[in-house]
C-alpha atoms as a PDB file:
ATOM      1  CA  MET A   1      -7.434  19.310   3.071  1.00  0.00           C
ATOM      2  CA  LYS A   2      -4.192  19.860   4.942  1.00  0.00           C
ATOM      3  CA  LYS A   3      -1.432  17.572   3.713  1.00  0.00           C
ATOM      4  CA  LYS A   4       1.124  18.396   6.356  1.00  0.00           C
ATOM      5  CA  LEU A   5       1.544  16.930   9.808  1.00  0.00           C
ATOM      6  CA  SER A   6       2.068  18.979  12.947  1.00  0.00           C
ATOM      7  CA  SER A   7       5.401  18.565  14.711  1.00  0.00           C
ATOM      8  CA  SER A   8       3.817  16.324  17.358  1.00  0.00           C
ATOM      9  CA  GLU A   9       2.138  14.167  14.673  1.00  0.00           C
ATOM     10  CA  THR A  10       5.463  13.923  12.830  1.00  0.00           C
ATOM     11  CA  GLU A  11       7.284  12.910  15.987  1.00  0.00           C
ATOM     12  CA  ALA A  12       4.674  10.243  16.826  1.00  0.00           C
ATOM     13  CA  LEU A  13       4.716   8.815  13.296  1.00  0.00           C
ATOM     14  CA  LEU A  14       8.521   8.707  13.133  1.00  0.00           C
ATOM     15  CA  GLU A  15       8.609   6.844  16.435  1.00  0.00           C
ATOM     16  CA  ILE A  16       6.131   4.217  15.189  1.00  0.00           C
ATOM     17  CA  VAL A  17       7.923   3.756  11.862  1.00  0.00           C
ATOM     18  CA  LYS A  18      11.361   3.636  13.517  1.00  0.00           C
ATOM     19  CA  GLU A  19      10.193   0.940  15.937  1.00  0.00           C
ATOM     20  CA  ARG A  20       8.786  -1.115  13.031  1.00  0.00           C
ATOM     21  CA  PHE A  21      12.016  -0.574  11.058  1.00  0.00           C
ATOM     22  CA  GLU A  22      14.132  -1.885  13.938  1.00  0.00           C
ATOM     23  CA  LYS A  23      11.805  -4.816  14.599  1.00  0.00           C
ATOM     24  CA  ASN A  24      11.818  -6.008  10.957  1.00  0.00           C
ATOM     25  CA  LYS A  25      15.479  -5.800   9.889  1.00  0.00           C
ATOM     26  CA  ASN A  26      14.941  -8.651   7.398  1.00  0.00           C
ATOM     27  CA  ARG A  27      13.047  -6.200   5.147  1.00  0.00           C
ATOM     28  CA  HIS A  28      15.968  -3.769   4.897  1.00  0.00           C
ATOM     29  CA  GLU A  29      19.218  -5.328   6.082  1.00  0.00           C
ATOM     30  CA  GLU A  30      21.482  -2.854   4.273  1.00  0.00           C
ATOM     31  CA  MET A  31      19.610   0.313   5.303  1.00  0.00           C
ATOM     32  CA  GLU A  32      20.194   2.732   8.169  1.00  0.00           C
ATOM     33  CA  TRP A  33      17.288   4.373   9.982  1.00  0.00           C
ATOM     34  CA  ASN A  34      18.961   7.795  10.316  1.00  0.00           C
ATOM     35  CA  LYS A  35      19.214   8.107   6.509  1.00  0.00           C
ATOM     36  CA  VAL A  36      15.565   7.112   6.087  1.00  0.00           C
ATOM     37  CA  GLN A  37      14.483   9.579   8.766  1.00  0.00           C
ATOM     38  CA  THR A  38      16.465  12.414   7.152  1.00  0.00           C
ATOM     39  CA  LYS A  39      14.664  11.756   3.839  1.00  0.00           C
ATOM     40  CA  LEU A  40      11.292  11.671   5.563  1.00  0.00           C
ATOM     41  CA  GLU A  41      11.864  14.907   7.455  1.00  0.00           C
ATOM     42  CA  ALA A  42      12.890  16.641   4.216  1.00  0.00           C
ATOM     43  CA  ASN A  43       9.592  15.652   2.539  1.00  0.00           C
ATOM     44  CA  PRO A  44       6.588  16.778   4.634  1.00  0.00           C
ATOM     45  CA  GLU A  45       3.978  15.818   2.007  1.00  0.00           C
ATOM     46  CA  LYS A  46       5.453  12.303   1.849  1.00  0.00           C
ATOM     47  CA  LEU A  47       5.308  12.154   5.637  1.00  0.00           C
ATOM     48  CA  TRP A  48       1.608  13.005   5.364  1.00  0.00           C
ATOM     49  CA  SER A  49       1.116  10.143   2.868  1.00  0.00           C
ATOM     50  CA  LEU A  50       3.049   7.772   5.120  1.00  0.00           C
ATOM     51  CA  ASN A  51       0.778   8.793   7.980  1.00  0.00           C
ATOM     52  CA  GLU A  52      -2.263   8.005   5.815  1.00  0.00           C
ATOM     53  CA  MET A  53      -0.824   4.545   5.204  1.00  0.00           C
ATOM     54  CA  GLU A  54      -0.398   4.107   8.953  1.00  0.00           C
ATOM     55  CA  ARG A  55      -3.792   5.617   9.860  1.00  0.00           C
ATOM     56  CA  THR A  56      -5.648   3.226   7.556  1.00  0.00           C
ATOM     57  CA  GLY A  57      -3.949   0.120   8.965  1.00  0.00           C
ATOM     58  CA  GLY A  58      -1.155  -0.411   6.438  1.00  0.00           C
ATOM     59  CA  GLU A  59       1.760  -0.610   8.892  1.00  0.00           C
ATOM     60  CA  PRO A  60       4.209   0.869   6.344  1.00  0.00           C
ATOM     61  CA  ASP A  61       7.848  -0.158   6.396  1.00  0.00           C
ATOM     62  CA  VAL A  62      10.879   0.428   4.154  1.00  0.00           C
ATOM     63  CA  VAL A  63      11.413  -2.484   1.799  1.00  0.00           C
ATOM     64  CA  HIS A  64      13.557  -1.104  -0.997  1.00  0.00           C
ATOM     65  CA  TYR A  65      16.339   1.391  -1.656  1.00  0.00           C
ATOM     66  CA  ASP A  66      17.302   2.504  -5.165  1.00  0.00           C
ATOM     67  CA  LYS A  67      20.928   3.670  -5.200  1.00  0.00           C
ATOM     68  CA  ASN A  68      20.532   5.240  -8.661  1.00  0.00           C
ATOM     69  CA  THR A  69      17.683   7.556  -7.649  1.00  0.00           C
ATOM     70  CA  ASP A  70      18.498   7.705  -3.913  1.00  0.00           C
ATOM     71  CA  GLU A  71      14.889   6.744  -3.129  1.00  0.00           C
ATOM     72  CA  TYR A  72      13.470   4.612  -0.343  1.00  0.00           C
ATOM     73  CA  THR A  73      10.223   2.744  -0.957  1.00  0.00           C
ATOM     74  CA  PHE A  74       7.726   1.990   1.782  1.00  0.00           C
ATOM     75  CA  TYR A  75       5.133  -0.779   1.334  1.00  0.00           C
ATOM     76  CA  ASP A  76       2.113  -1.566   3.460  1.00  0.00           C
ATOM     77  CA  CYS A  77       3.380  -4.459   5.571  1.00  0.00           C
ATOM     78  CA  SER A  78       0.298  -5.292   7.664  1.00  0.00           C
ATOM     79  CA  ALA A  79      -0.226  -9.051   7.898  1.00  0.00           C
ATOM     80  CA  GLU A  80      -3.609  -8.738   6.172  1.00  0.00           C
ATOM     81  CA  SER A  81      -4.899  -6.182   3.680  1.00  0.00           C
ATOM     82  CA  PRO A  82      -5.294  -2.831   5.523  1.00  0.00           C
ATOM     83  CA  LYS A  83      -8.625  -2.787   7.393  1.00  0.00           C
ATOM     84  CA  GLU A  84      -9.599   0.778   6.544  1.00  0.00           C
ATOM     85  CA  ARG A  85      -9.060   0.151   2.816  1.00  0.00           C
ATOM     86  CA  ARG A  86     -11.344  -2.809   2.199  1.00  0.00           C
ATOM     87  CA  SER A  87     -14.710  -3.174   0.451  1.00  0.00           C
ATOM     88  CA  LEU A  88     -13.666  -0.956  -2.455  1.00  0.00           C
ATOM     89  CA  CYS A  89     -14.015  -1.574  -6.171  1.00  0.00           C
ATOM     90  CA  TYR A  90     -10.988  -0.991  -8.385  1.00  0.00           C
ATOM     91  CA  ASP A  91     -11.420   2.470  -9.970  1.00  0.00           C
ATOM     92  CA  ARG A  92     -13.832   5.347 -10.649  1.00  0.00           C
ATOM     93  CA  GLN A  93     -15.096   3.770 -13.883  1.00  0.00           C
ATOM     94  CA  ALA A  94     -15.979   0.582 -11.989  1.00  0.00           C
ATOM     95  CA  LEU A  95     -17.622   2.555  -9.174  1.00  0.00           C
ATOM     96  CA  ASP A  96     -19.694   4.603 -11.621  1.00  0.00           C
ATOM     97  CA  SER A  97     -20.801   1.455 -13.475  1.00  0.00           C
ATOM     98  CA  ARG A  98     -22.432  -0.049 -10.385  1.00  0.00           C
ATOM     99  CA  LYS A  99     -26.169   0.580 -10.377  1.00  0.00           C
ATOM    100  CA  GLU A 100     -26.788  -0.477  -6.779  1.00  0.00           C
ATOM    101  CA  ASN A 101     -24.878  -1.481  -3.649  1.00  0.00           C
ATOM    102  CA  LYS A 102     -22.054   0.894  -4.501  1.00  0.00           C
ATOM    103  CA  PRO A 103     -18.994   0.764  -2.248  1.00  0.00           C
ATOM    104  CA  LYS A 104     -17.988   3.999  -0.523  1.00  0.00           C
ATOM    105  CA  ASN A 105     -14.975   4.573  -2.785  1.00  0.00           C
ATOM    106  CA  SER A 106     -12.580   3.022  -5.265  1.00  0.00           C
ATOM    107  CA  VAL A 107      -9.060   1.766  -4.695  1.00  0.00           C
ATOM    108  CA  MET A 108      -7.498   4.074  -7.285  1.00  0.00           C
ATOM    109  CA  ASP A 109      -9.292   7.185  -5.994  1.00  0.00           C
ATOM    110  CA  LEU A 110      -8.319   6.473  -2.390  1.00  0.00           C
ATOM    111  CA  ALA A 111      -4.692   5.696  -3.287  1.00  0.00           C
ATOM    112  CA  THR A 112      -4.466   8.965  -5.243  1.00  0.00           C
ATOM    113  CA  ALA A 113      -5.993  10.922  -2.346  1.00  0.00           C
ATOM    114  CA  MET A 114      -3.433   9.326  -0.007  1.00  0.00           C
ATOM    115  CA  GLY A 115      -0.542  10.159  -2.350  1.00  0.00           C
ATOM    116  CA  ILE A 116       0.489   6.522  -2.852  1.00  0.00           C
ATOM    117  CA  ARG A 117       0.464   3.941  -5.671  1.00  0.00           C
ATOM    118  CA  LEU A 118      -0.876   0.409  -5.668  1.00  0.00           C
ATOM    119  CA  LEU A 119       1.731  -2.312  -5.519  1.00  0.00           C
ATOM    120  CA  SER A 120       2.618  -3.794  -8.900  1.00  0.00           C
ATOM    121  CA  GLN A 121       2.701  -7.566  -9.413  1.00  0.00           C
ATOM    122  CA  GLU A 122       6.485  -7.475  -8.978  1.00  0.00           C
ATOM    123  CA  GLN A 123       6.276  -5.412  -5.799  1.00  0.00           C
ATOM    124  CA  TYR A 124       3.583  -7.701  -4.374  1.00  0.00           C
ATOM    125  CA  ARG A 125       5.787 -10.736  -4.995  1.00  0.00           C
ATOM    126  CA  GLU A 126       8.796  -8.888  -3.528  1.00  0.00           C
ATOM    127  CA  LEU A 127       6.803  -8.098  -0.373  1.00  0.00           C
ATOM    128  CA  GLN A 128       5.856 -11.757   0.018  1.00  0.00           C
ATOM    129  CA  LYS A 129       9.555 -12.706   0.164  1.00  0.00           C
ATOM    130  CA  SER A 130       9.857 -10.909   3.517  1.00  0.00           C
ATOM    131  CA  GLY A 131       6.920 -12.665   5.201  1.00  0.00           C
ATOM    132  CA  LYS A 132       3.478 -14.141   4.687  1.00  0.00           C
ATOM    133  CA  PHE A 133       0.948 -11.458   3.800  1.00  0.00           C
ATOM    134  CA  ASP A 134      -2.736 -11.780   2.876  1.00  0.00           C
ATOM    135  CA  THR A 135      -3.153 -15.325   4.183  1.00  0.00           C
ATOM    136  CA  LYS A 136      -6.832 -14.577   5.000  1.00  0.00           C
ATOM    137  CA  THR A 137      -7.453 -11.504   2.837  1.00  0.00           C
ATOM    138  CA  SER A 138      -6.515 -10.360  -0.650  1.00  0.00           C
ATOM    139  CA  SER A 139      -5.233  -7.065  -2.056  1.00  0.00           C
ATOM    140  CA  TRP A 140      -5.968  -5.278  -5.321  1.00  0.00           C
ATOM    141  CA  ILE A 141      -2.761  -4.586  -7.255  1.00  0.00           C
ATOM    142  CA  GLU A 142      -1.856  -2.379 -10.196  1.00  0.00           C
ATOM    143  CA  THR A 143      -3.638  -3.685 -13.285  1.00  0.00           C
ATOM    144  CA  PRO A 144      -2.248  -3.431 -16.822  1.00  0.00           C
ATOM    145  CA  ALA A 145      -4.316  -1.183 -19.132  1.00  0.00           C
ATOM    146  CA  GLU A 146      -5.081  -4.083 -21.514  1.00  0.00           C
ATOM    147  CA  ILE A 147      -6.790  -6.036 -18.726  1.00  0.00           C
ATOM    148  CA  ARG A 148      -8.581  -2.994 -17.340  1.00  0.00           C
ATOM    149  CA  LYS A 149      -9.958  -2.079 -20.814  1.00  0.00           C
ATOM    150  CA  LEU A 150     -11.669  -5.473 -20.863  1.00  0.00           C
ATOM    151  CA  GLY A 151     -13.335  -4.837 -17.481  1.00  0.00           C
ATOM    152  CA  GLY A 152     -10.940  -6.773 -15.279  1.00  0.00           C
ATOM    153  CA  ALA A 153      -8.593  -5.937 -12.431  1.00  0.00           C
ATOM    154  CA  LEU A 154      -5.901  -7.925 -10.616  1.00  0.00           C
ATOM    155  CA  PHE A 155      -5.491  -8.903  -6.978  1.00  0.00           C
ATOM    156  CA  GLY A 156      -3.146 -11.138  -5.053  1.00  0.00           C
ATOM    157  CA  ASP A 157      -3.006 -13.260  -1.932  1.00  0.00           C
ATOM    158  CA  PHE A 158      -0.895 -15.949  -0.248  1.00  0.00           C
ATOM    159  CA  ARG A 159      -2.378 -19.433   0.028  1.00  0.00           C
ATOM    160  CA  TYR A 160      -0.986 -22.979   0.155  1.00  0.00           C
ATOM    161  CA  GLY A 161       2.568 -21.671   0.521  1.00  0.00           C
ATOM    162  CA  ASN A 162       2.354 -19.678  -2.729  1.00  0.00           C
ATOM    163  CA  VAL A 163       1.647 -16.182  -3.998  1.00  0.00           C
ATOM    164  CA  PHE A 164      -1.347 -16.116  -6.320  1.00  0.00           C
ATOM    165  CA  ILE A 165      -2.327 -13.333  -8.718  1.00  0.00           C
ATOM    166  CA  TYR A 166      -5.952 -13.478  -9.848  1.00  0.00           C
ATOM    167  CA  HIS A 167      -8.435 -11.428 -11.818  1.00  0.00           C
ATOM    168  CA  ASN A 168     -11.926 -10.205 -11.034  1.00  0.00           C
ATOM    169  CA  GLY A 169     -14.375  -7.736 -12.475  1.00  0.00           C
ATOM    170  CA  ALA A 170     -13.145  -4.253 -11.540  1.00  0.00           C
ATOM    171  CA  GLU A 171     -16.569  -3.341 -10.147  1.00  0.00           C
ATOM    172  CA  SER A 172     -16.486  -6.150  -7.565  1.00  0.00           C
ATOM    173  CA  TYR A 173     -15.677  -5.530  -3.922  1.00  0.00           C
ATOM    174  CA  TYR A 174     -15.336  -7.730  -0.871  1.00  0.00           C
ATOM    175  CA  ALA A 175     -15.009  -7.239   2.870  1.00  0.00           C
ATOM    176  CA  ALA A 176     -11.764  -9.239   2.815  1.00  0.00           C
ATOM    177  CA  ARG A 177     -10.157  -7.394  -0.129  1.00  0.00           C
ATOM    178  CA  GLY A 178      -8.364  -4.091   0.227  1.00  0.00           C
ATOM    179  CA  PHE A 179      -5.213  -2.741  -1.312  1.00  0.00           C
ATOM    180  CA  ARG A 180      -1.571  -2.315  -0.451  1.00  0.00           C
ATOM    181  CA  GLY A 181       0.312   0.785  -1.433  1.00  0.00           C
ATOM    182  CA  ALA A 182       3.841   1.907  -2.127  1.00  0.00           C
ATOM    183  CA  LEU A 183       5.389   5.290  -1.356  1.00  0.00           C
ATOM    184  CA  LYS A 184       8.731   6.434  -2.759  1.00  0.00           C
ATOM    185  CA  ILE A 185      10.721   9.000  -0.814  1.00  0.00           C
END
């Protein structure tokens, strides 16, 4: 599988992401688009991953800059959990444990194939400070190993003016639950 965009695909993606960046200044008040674009253009495989986030409905945008590592972090900023990443159980172990009605994939396998990571609890809460996300859906988030060993997995949503983090069996899947990813560049 090719993990590099053509020049026309790159140009189209950069235009979409730039427009979103300019429209949502509250997510990155101290950042400059030209610096973000330079980083993106220098990392073609990351551009490919960013395109996967966009292609699957994530509407990625820059939400964090780490001065120590000189890294920008993109999160999926779609209002609801990305449409093309729903109805998935948590990981391969959960998928393999289902005897019938298996979903088409797992969250962890798809995230790995896309070259992104699931949002952590902290990242999910940070995202919610810049808007209201998952008011009708929910999103799987990174689950600590201790919880996963016991068969569980975590997800979050925004209801009643609050961010909630819940648990569910890792093998479960729902039409209204997907996952949000993060990509560091």
